Amino acid sequence: MQRRPTATPDTPLPTPGARHRALENRPHLWFAHQLLLALSGQRPVHALLGHALPAAYDRLAELAPLSPLRPYLAPGLRAPVPALHACGLCRPRDGVIEAFARITTGARLRALAFRLERGGDARWRCAALDLGPVP
């Protein structure tokens, strides 16, 4: 059995504020995970209602019933759970992130592209998303 390393007295644990600042610097990871959950049928679309601009929310609502990231298997077989394999980004200008995510489901690999924009309230929102051709 493998043991997890424990914190030593000279290693400070991250404070809630430090964790929050780290997430602020990586909103693309949070959005990639949330979009994966919605597009694989693990979470309802309305969970992203306040986190997406109208056009992106409409696209998500259009795609989600198809569950494009849910694997198809014959009845009685257990499907592998879709997972976020990798996520990257570019920042074309201040307040905009264009990101991609690689989603794995067993041996299958899919790509997800999305755009985030920071609003006047300093919150990130999904402005667009694309999965490519949906089977």
N, C-alpha and C. Protein backbone atom coordinates (compact mmCIF):
# COMPACT_ATOMS: atom_id res chain seq x y z
N MET A 1 0.84 -1.17 0.00
CA MET A 1 0.00 0.00 0.00
C MET A 1 0.88 1.23 0.00
N GLN A 2 0.52 2.21 -0.83
CA GLN A 2 1.29 3.42 -0.95
C GLN A 2 0.77 4.46 0.04
N ARG A 3 1.67 5.11 0.74
CA ARG A 3 1.28 6.12 1.72
C ARG A 3 1.40 7.49 1.11
N ARG A 4 0.46 8.34 1.42
CA ARG A 4 0.52 9.73 0.97
C ARG A 4 1.46 10.51 1.87
N PRO A 5 2.23 11.43 1.29
CA PRO A 5 3.10 12.23 2.14
C PRO A 5 2.26 13.15 3.03
N THR A 6 2.70 13.29 4.24
CA THR A 6 1.99 14.18 5.17
C THR A 6 2.73 15.50 5.25
N ALA A 7 2.02 16.53 5.64
CA ALA A 7 2.63 17.85 5.76
C ALA A 7 3.59 17.85 6.95
N THR A 8 4.74 18.41 6.74
CA THR A 8 5.70 18.54 7.83
C THR A 8 5.48 19.89 8.50
N PRO A 9 5.98 20.07 9.71
CA PRO A 9 5.75 21.33 10.41
C PRO A 9 6.27 22.55 9.66
N ASP A 10 7.31 22.39 8.82
CA ASP A 10 7.85 23.55 8.10
C ASP A 10 7.16 23.76 6.74
N THR A 11 6.19 22.93 6.38
CA THR A 11 5.45 23.09 5.14
C THR A 11 4.07 23.65 5.46
N PRO A 12 3.85 24.94 5.13
CA PRO A 12 2.53 25.52 5.46
C PRO A 12 1.44 24.96 4.55
N LEU A 13 0.28 24.73 5.11
CA LEU A 13 -0.87 24.29 4.32
C LEU A 13 -1.47 25.50 3.64
N PRO A 14 -2.03 25.32 2.43
CA PRO A 14 -2.62 26.47 1.76
C PRO A 14 -3.85 26.97 2.51
N THR A 15 -3.94 28.26 2.61
CA THR A 15 -5.11 28.86 3.26
C THR A 15 -6.26 28.90 2.28
N PRO A 16 -7.50 29.07 2.74
CA PRO A 16 -8.62 29.19 1.81
C PRO A 16 -8.41 30.34 0.82
N GLY A 17 -7.83 31.43 1.28
CA GLY A 17 -7.57 32.57 0.39
C GLY A 17 -6.58 32.22 -0.70
N ALA A 18 -5.55 31.45 -0.34
CA ALA A 18 -4.55 31.04 -1.33
C ALA A 18 -5.16 30.11 -2.36
N ARG A 19 -6.03 29.19 -1.92
CA ARG A 19 -6.69 28.30 -2.87
C ARG A 19 -7.60 29.09 -3.81
N HIS A 20 -8.30 30.10 -3.26
CA HIS A 20 -9.20 30.92 -4.08
C HIS A 20 -8.40 31.71 -5.13
N ARG A 21 -7.26 32.28 -4.72
CA ARG A 21 -6.43 33.03 -5.68
C ARG A 21 -5.87 32.11 -6.76
N ALA A 22 -5.53 30.88 -6.39
CA ALA A 22 -5.03 29.92 -7.38
C ALA A 22 -6.10 29.60 -8.41
N LEU A 23 -7.35 29.43 -7.97
CA LEU A 23 -8.44 29.16 -8.91
C LEU A 23 -8.74 30.37 -9.77
N GLU A 24 -8.58 31.58 -9.24
CA GLU A 24 -8.80 32.78 -10.05
C GLU A 24 -7.81 32.84 -11.20
N ASN A 25 -6.61 32.33 -10.99
CA ASN A 25 -5.60 32.34 -12.04
C ASN A 25 -5.77 31.21 -13.04
N ARG A 26 -6.64 30.22 -12.73
CA ARG A 26 -6.87 29.08 -13.62
C ARG A 26 -8.36 28.80 -13.81
N PRO A 27 -9.14 29.79 -14.21
CA PRO A 27 -10.58 29.54 -14.37
C PRO A 27 -10.88 28.56 -15.49
N HIS A 28 -9.97 28.42 -16.45
CA HIS A 28 -10.21 27.49 -17.56
C HIS A 28 -10.32 26.05 -17.06
N LEU A 29 -9.60 25.70 -16.01
CA LEU A 29 -9.70 24.34 -15.48
C LEU A 29 -11.07 24.09 -14.85
N TRP A 30 -11.56 25.07 -14.10
CA TRP A 30 -12.88 24.93 -13.48
C TRP A 30 -13.95 24.80 -14.55
N PHE A 31 -13.91 25.68 -15.57
CA PHE A 31 -14.91 25.64 -16.63
C PHE A 31 -14.80 24.35 -17.44
N ALA A 32 -13.60 23.88 -17.72
CA ALA A 32 -13.46 22.63 -18.48
C ALA A 32 -14.13 21.49 -17.74
N HIS A 33 -13.93 21.44 -16.43
CA HIS A 33 -14.54 20.37 -15.64
C HIS A 33 -16.07 20.50 -15.62
N GLN A 34 -16.58 21.71 -15.45
CA GLN A 34 -18.02 21.93 -15.41
C GLN A 34 -18.67 21.61 -16.75
N LEU A 35 -18.03 22.01 -17.85
CA LEU A 35 -18.56 21.71 -19.18
C LEU A 35 -18.54 20.20 -19.43
N LEU A 36 -17.49 19.53 -19.00
CA LEU A 36 -17.42 18.07 -19.13
C LEU A 36 -18.59 17.41 -18.40
N LEU A 37 -18.87 17.86 -17.19
CA LEU A 37 -19.97 17.27 -16.42
C LEU A 37 -21.32 17.50 -17.12
N ALA A 38 -21.54 18.69 -17.65
CA ALA A 38 -22.81 19.00 -18.31
C ALA A 38 -22.95 18.24 -19.63
N LEU A 39 -21.86 18.16 -20.40
CA LEU A 39 -21.94 17.53 -21.73
C LEU A 39 -21.86 16.01 -21.67
N SER A 40 -21.57 15.46 -20.50
CA SER A 40 -21.58 14.00 -20.36
C SER A 40 -22.82 13.53 -19.61
N GLY A 41 -23.70 14.46 -19.27
CA GLY A 41 -24.94 14.09 -18.60
C GLY A 41 -24.80 13.87 -17.11
N GLN A 42 -23.67 14.23 -16.53
CA GLN A 42 -23.46 14.03 -15.09
C GLN A 42 -24.00 15.19 -14.25
N ARG A 43 -24.25 16.32 -14.89
CA ARG A 43 -24.75 17.49 -14.19
C ARG A 43 -25.73 18.22 -15.11
N PRO A 44 -26.80 18.79 -14.57
CA PRO A 44 -27.75 19.49 -15.43
C PRO A 44 -27.16 20.78 -15.99
N VAL A 45 -27.63 21.16 -17.15
CA VAL A 45 -27.14 22.37 -17.81
C VAL A 45 -27.36 23.61 -16.94
N HIS A 46 -28.48 23.66 -16.25
CA HIS A 46 -28.78 24.87 -15.48
C HIS A 46 -27.78 25.13 -14.35
N ALA A 47 -26.90 24.17 -14.07
CA ALA A 47 -25.84 24.41 -13.08
C ALA A 47 -24.88 25.49 -13.57
N LEU A 48 -24.84 25.73 -14.88
CA LEU A 48 -23.96 26.75 -15.45
C LEU A 48 -24.71 28.02 -15.84
N LEU A 49 -25.93 28.16 -15.37
CA LEU A 49 -26.77 29.29 -15.77
C LEU A 49 -26.11 30.65 -15.53
N GLY A 50 -25.56 30.90 -14.38
CA GLY A 50 -24.92 32.18 -14.10
C GLY A 50 -23.48 32.26 -14.56
N HIS A 51 -22.97 31.18 -15.12
CA HIS A 51 -21.56 31.12 -15.50
C HIS A 51 -21.34 31.16 -17.00
N ALA A 52 -22.41 31.36 -17.76
CA ALA A 52 -22.30 31.39 -19.22
C ALA A 52 -23.10 32.57 -19.77
N LEU A 53 -22.57 33.19 -20.80
CA LEU A 53 -23.30 34.25 -21.49
C LEU A 53 -24.41 33.59 -22.31
N PRO A 54 -25.42 34.36 -22.70
CA PRO A 54 -26.60 33.76 -23.37
C PRO A 54 -26.28 32.87 -24.58
N ALA A 55 -25.40 33.30 -25.47
CA ALA A 55 -25.11 32.49 -26.66
C ALA A 55 -24.46 31.16 -26.28
N ALA A 56 -23.53 31.19 -25.33
CA ALA A 56 -22.86 29.97 -24.91
C ALA A 56 -23.83 29.06 -24.15
N TYR A 57 -24.69 29.64 -23.34
CA TYR A 57 -25.67 28.83 -22.61
C TYR A 57 -26.64 28.16 -23.58
N ASP A 58 -27.07 28.90 -24.60
CA ASP A 58 -27.97 28.32 -25.61
C ASP A 58 -27.28 27.15 -26.33
N ARG A 59 -26.00 27.31 -26.66
CA ARG A 59 -25.27 26.23 -27.33
C ARG A 59 -25.13 25.02 -26.41
N LEU A 60 -24.85 25.28 -25.14
CA LEU A 60 -24.75 24.21 -24.16
C LEU A 60 -26.09 23.48 -24.01
N ALA A 61 -27.17 24.25 -23.95
CA ALA A 61 -28.51 23.65 -23.83
C ALA A 61 -28.87 22.85 -25.07
N GLU A 62 -28.34 23.23 -26.22
CA GLU A 62 -28.58 22.50 -27.47
C GLU A 62 -27.78 21.18 -27.49
N LEU A 63 -26.54 21.23 -27.02
CA LEU A 63 -25.68 20.06 -27.06
C LEU A 63 -25.95 19.05 -25.94
N ALA A 64 -26.26 19.53 -24.75
CA ALA A 64 -26.35 18.67 -23.58
C ALA A 64 -27.34 17.51 -23.72
N PRO A 65 -28.54 17.69 -24.29
CA PRO A 65 -29.44 16.54 -24.41
C PRO A 65 -28.86 15.41 -25.25
N LEU A 66 -27.93 15.74 -26.13
CA LEU A 66 -27.29 14.71 -26.95
C LEU A 66 -26.22 13.96 -26.16
N SER A 67 -25.83 14.51 -25.02
CA SER A 67 -24.75 13.94 -24.18
C SER A 67 -23.56 13.53 -25.05
N PRO A 68 -22.96 14.47 -25.78
CA PRO A 68 -21.91 14.10 -26.72
C PRO A 68 -20.66 13.53 -26.09
N LEU A 69 -20.44 13.75 -24.81
CA LEU A 69 -19.26 13.20 -24.16
C LEU A 69 -19.56 11.92 -23.38
N ARG A 70 -20.82 11.48 -23.43
CA ARG A 70 -21.18 10.23 -22.77
C ARG A 70 -20.84 9.09 -23.72
N PRO A 71 -20.13 8.09 -23.27
CA PRO A 71 -19.78 6.99 -24.17
C PRO A 71 -20.99 6.11 -24.44
N TYR A 72 -21.03 5.55 -25.63
CA TYR A 72 -22.09 4.61 -25.97
C TYR A 72 -21.57 3.20 -25.75
N LEU A 73 -22.32 2.43 -25.02
CA LEU A 73 -22.01 1.01 -24.84
C LEU A 73 -23.29 0.21 -24.97
N ALA A 74 -23.12 -1.03 -25.25
CA ALA A 74 -24.27 -1.92 -25.34
C ALA A 74 -24.93 -2.03 -23.97
N PRO A 75 -26.22 -2.28 -23.93
CA PRO A 75 -26.91 -2.40 -22.64
C PRO A 75 -26.24 -3.45 -21.75
N GLY A 76 -26.14 -3.12 -20.48
CA GLY A 76 -25.55 -4.03 -19.50
C GLY A 76 -24.06 -3.85 -19.29
N LEU A 77 -23.40 -3.10 -20.17
CA LEU A 77 -21.97 -2.86 -20.01
C LEU A 77 -21.75 -1.54 -19.27
N ARG A 78 -20.77 -1.51 -18.41
CA ARG A 78 -20.47 -0.31 -17.65
C ARG A 78 -19.57 0.60 -18.47
N ALA A 79 -19.96 1.85 -18.60
CA ALA A 79 -19.21 2.80 -19.40
C ALA A 79 -18.09 3.44 -18.59
N PRO A 80 -16.95 3.71 -19.23
CA PRO A 80 -15.91 4.44 -18.53
C PRO A 80 -16.38 5.89 -18.29
N VAL A 81 -15.93 6.47 -17.22
CA VAL A 81 -16.33 7.84 -16.88
C VAL A 81 -15.44 8.80 -17.66
N PRO A 82 -16.04 9.77 -18.35
CA PRO A 82 -15.24 10.76 -19.06
C PRO A 82 -14.37 11.54 -18.07
N ALA A 83 -13.15 11.84 -18.49
CA ALA A 83 -12.22 12.54 -17.61
C ALA A 83 -11.48 13.62 -18.39
N LEU A 84 -11.12 14.67 -17.68
CA LEU A 84 -10.34 15.75 -18.25
C LEU A 84 -8.89 15.29 -18.33
N HIS A 85 -8.40 15.12 -19.55
CA HIS A 85 -7.05 14.61 -19.76
C HIS A 85 -6.02 15.74 -19.73
N ALA A 86 -6.32 16.84 -20.40
CA ALA A 86 -5.41 17.99 -20.45
C ALA A 86 -6.23 19.23 -20.74
N CYS A 87 -5.69 20.35 -20.35
CA CYS A 87 -6.37 21.62 -20.59
C CYS A 87 -5.31 22.69 -20.81
N GLY A 88 -5.49 23.48 -21.83
CA GLY A 88 -4.54 24.55 -22.13
C GLY A 88 -5.27 25.82 -22.48
N LEU A 89 -4.52 26.90 -22.61
CA LEU A 89 -5.15 28.18 -22.88
C LEU A 89 -4.21 29.14 -23.58
N CYS A 90 -4.81 30.18 -24.13
CA CYS A 90 -4.06 31.35 -24.56
C CYS A 90 -4.88 32.56 -24.14
N ARG A 91 -4.20 33.66 -23.94
CA ARG A 91 -4.86 34.90 -23.51
C ARG A 91 -4.65 35.94 -24.61
N PRO A 92 -5.60 36.01 -25.56
CA PRO A 92 -5.42 36.94 -26.68
C PRO A 92 -5.42 38.41 -26.25
N ARG A 93 -6.08 38.72 -25.15
CA ARG A 93 -6.04 40.07 -24.58
C ARG A 93 -6.49 39.99 -23.13
N ASP A 94 -6.33 41.05 -22.41
CA ASP A 94 -6.69 41.07 -21.00
C ASP A 94 -8.19 40.81 -20.85
N GLY A 95 -8.55 39.93 -19.95
CA GLY A 95 -9.95 39.62 -19.69
C GLY A 95 -10.55 38.58 -20.61
N VAL A 96 -9.72 37.93 -21.43
CA VAL A 96 -10.21 36.89 -22.36
C VAL A 96 -9.28 35.69 -22.29
N ILE A 97 -9.87 34.52 -22.17
CA ILE A 97 -9.12 33.27 -22.23
C ILE A 97 -9.77 32.39 -23.29
N GLU A 98 -8.95 31.90 -24.20
CA GLU A 98 -9.41 30.90 -25.16
C GLU A 98 -8.73 29.61 -24.77
N ALA A 99 -9.56 28.60 -24.47
CA ALA A 99 -9.03 27.37 -23.89
C ALA A 99 -9.46 26.15 -24.68
N PHE A 100 -8.72 25.07 -24.46
CA PHE A 100 -9.08 23.78 -25.03
C PHE A 100 -8.95 22.74 -23.94
N ALA A 101 -9.70 21.68 -24.09
CA ALA A 101 -9.61 20.56 -23.16
C ALA A 101 -9.64 19.28 -23.97
N ARG A 102 -8.84 18.32 -23.55
CA ARG A 102 -8.88 16.98 -24.12
C ARG A 102 -9.64 16.11 -23.13
N ILE A 103 -10.69 15.48 -23.62
CA ILE A 103 -11.55 14.65 -22.78
C ILE A 103 -11.35 13.19 -23.19
N THR A 104 -11.03 12.35 -22.23
CA THR A 104 -10.87 10.93 -22.53
C THR A 104 -12.04 10.15 -21.94
N THR A 105 -12.49 9.19 -22.71
CA THR A 105 -13.51 8.25 -22.26
C THR A 105 -13.03 6.88 -22.70
N GLY A 106 -12.40 6.19 -21.79
CA GLY A 106 -11.78 4.93 -22.17
C GLY A 106 -10.65 5.23 -23.15
N ALA A 107 -10.69 4.60 -24.32
CA ALA A 107 -9.66 4.83 -25.33
C ALA A 107 -10.01 5.99 -26.27
N ARG A 108 -11.19 6.55 -26.12
CA ARG A 108 -11.66 7.61 -27.02
C ARG A 108 -11.20 8.98 -26.51
N LEU A 109 -10.78 9.84 -27.43
CA LEU A 109 -10.32 11.18 -27.10
C LEU A 109 -11.15 12.20 -27.87
N ARG A 110 -11.68 13.19 -27.17
CA ARG A 110 -12.47 14.26 -27.80
C ARG A 110 -11.86 15.59 -27.41
N ALA A 111 -12.12 16.61 -28.23
CA ALA A 111 -11.62 17.95 -27.95
C ALA A 111 -12.79 18.87 -27.64
N LEU A 112 -12.56 19.80 -26.76
CA LEU A 112 -13.55 20.81 -26.38
C LEU A 112 -12.83 22.14 -26.40
N ALA A 113 -13.38 23.10 -27.11
CA ALA A 113 -12.82 24.45 -27.15
C ALA A 113 -13.84 25.40 -26.54
N PHE A 114 -13.36 26.37 -25.78
CA PHE A 114 -14.28 27.34 -25.18
C PHE A 114 -13.56 28.66 -24.94
N ARG A 115 -14.36 29.70 -24.84
CA ARG A 115 -13.85 31.05 -24.63
C ARG A 115 -14.45 31.59 -23.34
N LEU A 116 -13.60 32.18 -22.52
CA LEU A 116 -14.04 32.80 -21.27
C LEU A 116 -13.79 34.30 -21.35
N GLU A 117 -14.73 35.06 -20.82
CA GLU A 117 -14.58 36.51 -20.76
C GLU A 117 -14.86 36.98 -19.34
N ARG A 118 -14.02 37.90 -18.87
CA ARG A 118 -14.21 38.44 -17.53
C ARG A 118 -15.13 39.65 -17.63
N GLY A 119 -16.22 39.62 -16.85
CA GLY A 119 -17.19 40.70 -16.88
C GLY A 119 -16.77 41.87 -16.00
N GLY A 120 -17.58 42.89 -16.00
CA GLY A 120 -17.33 44.08 -15.19
C GLY A 120 -17.32 43.78 -13.70
N ASP A 121 -17.94 42.67 -13.31
CA ASP A 121 -17.96 42.27 -11.89
C ASP A 121 -16.77 41.38 -11.55
N ALA A 122 -15.80 41.26 -12.46
CA ALA A 122 -14.57 40.48 -12.30
C ALA A 122 -14.82 38.97 -12.29
N ARG A 123 -16.00 38.51 -12.68
CA ARG A 123 -16.29 37.08 -12.75
C ARG A 123 -16.07 36.59 -14.17
N TRP A 124 -15.53 35.39 -14.28
CA TRP A 124 -15.34 34.76 -15.59
C TRP A 124 -16.63 34.08 -16.01
N ARG A 125 -16.96 34.21 -17.28
CA ARG A 125 -18.13 33.55 -17.85
C ARG A 125 -17.76 32.92 -19.18
N CYS A 126 -18.38 31.81 -19.48
CA CYS A 126 -18.17 31.13 -20.75
C CYS A 126 -18.91 31.92 -21.83
N ALA A 127 -18.20 32.32 -22.87
CA ALA A 127 -18.80 33.12 -23.94
C ALA A 127 -19.08 32.29 -25.18
N ALA A 128 -18.36 31.17 -25.35
CA ALA A 128 -18.56 30.31 -26.51
C ALA A 128 -17.97 28.95 -26.22
N LEU A 129 -18.50 27.93 -26.89
CA LEU A 129 -17.93 26.59 -26.78
C LEU A 129 -18.18 25.82 -28.05
N ASP A 130 -17.28 24.88 -28.32
CA ASP A 130 -17.42 24.06 -29.52
C ASP A 130 -16.83 22.68 -29.26
N LEU A 131 -17.50 21.69 -29.77
CA LEU A 131 -17.05 20.30 -29.65
C LEU A 131 -16.66 19.72 -31.00
N GLY A 132 -16.84 20.48 -32.05
CA GLY A 132 -16.63 19.92 -33.38
C GLY A 132 -17.86 19.13 -33.77
N PRO A 133 -17.73 18.26 -34.77
CA PRO A 133 -18.89 17.48 -35.21
C PRO A 133 -19.39 16.55 -34.09
N VAL A 134 -20.69 16.57 -33.88
CA VAL A 134 -21.29 15.71 -32.89
C VAL A 134 -21.88 14.49 -33.60
N PRO A 135 -21.44 13.29 -33.20
CA PRO A 135 -21.93 12.10 -33.90
C PRO A 135 -23.42 11.90 -33.71
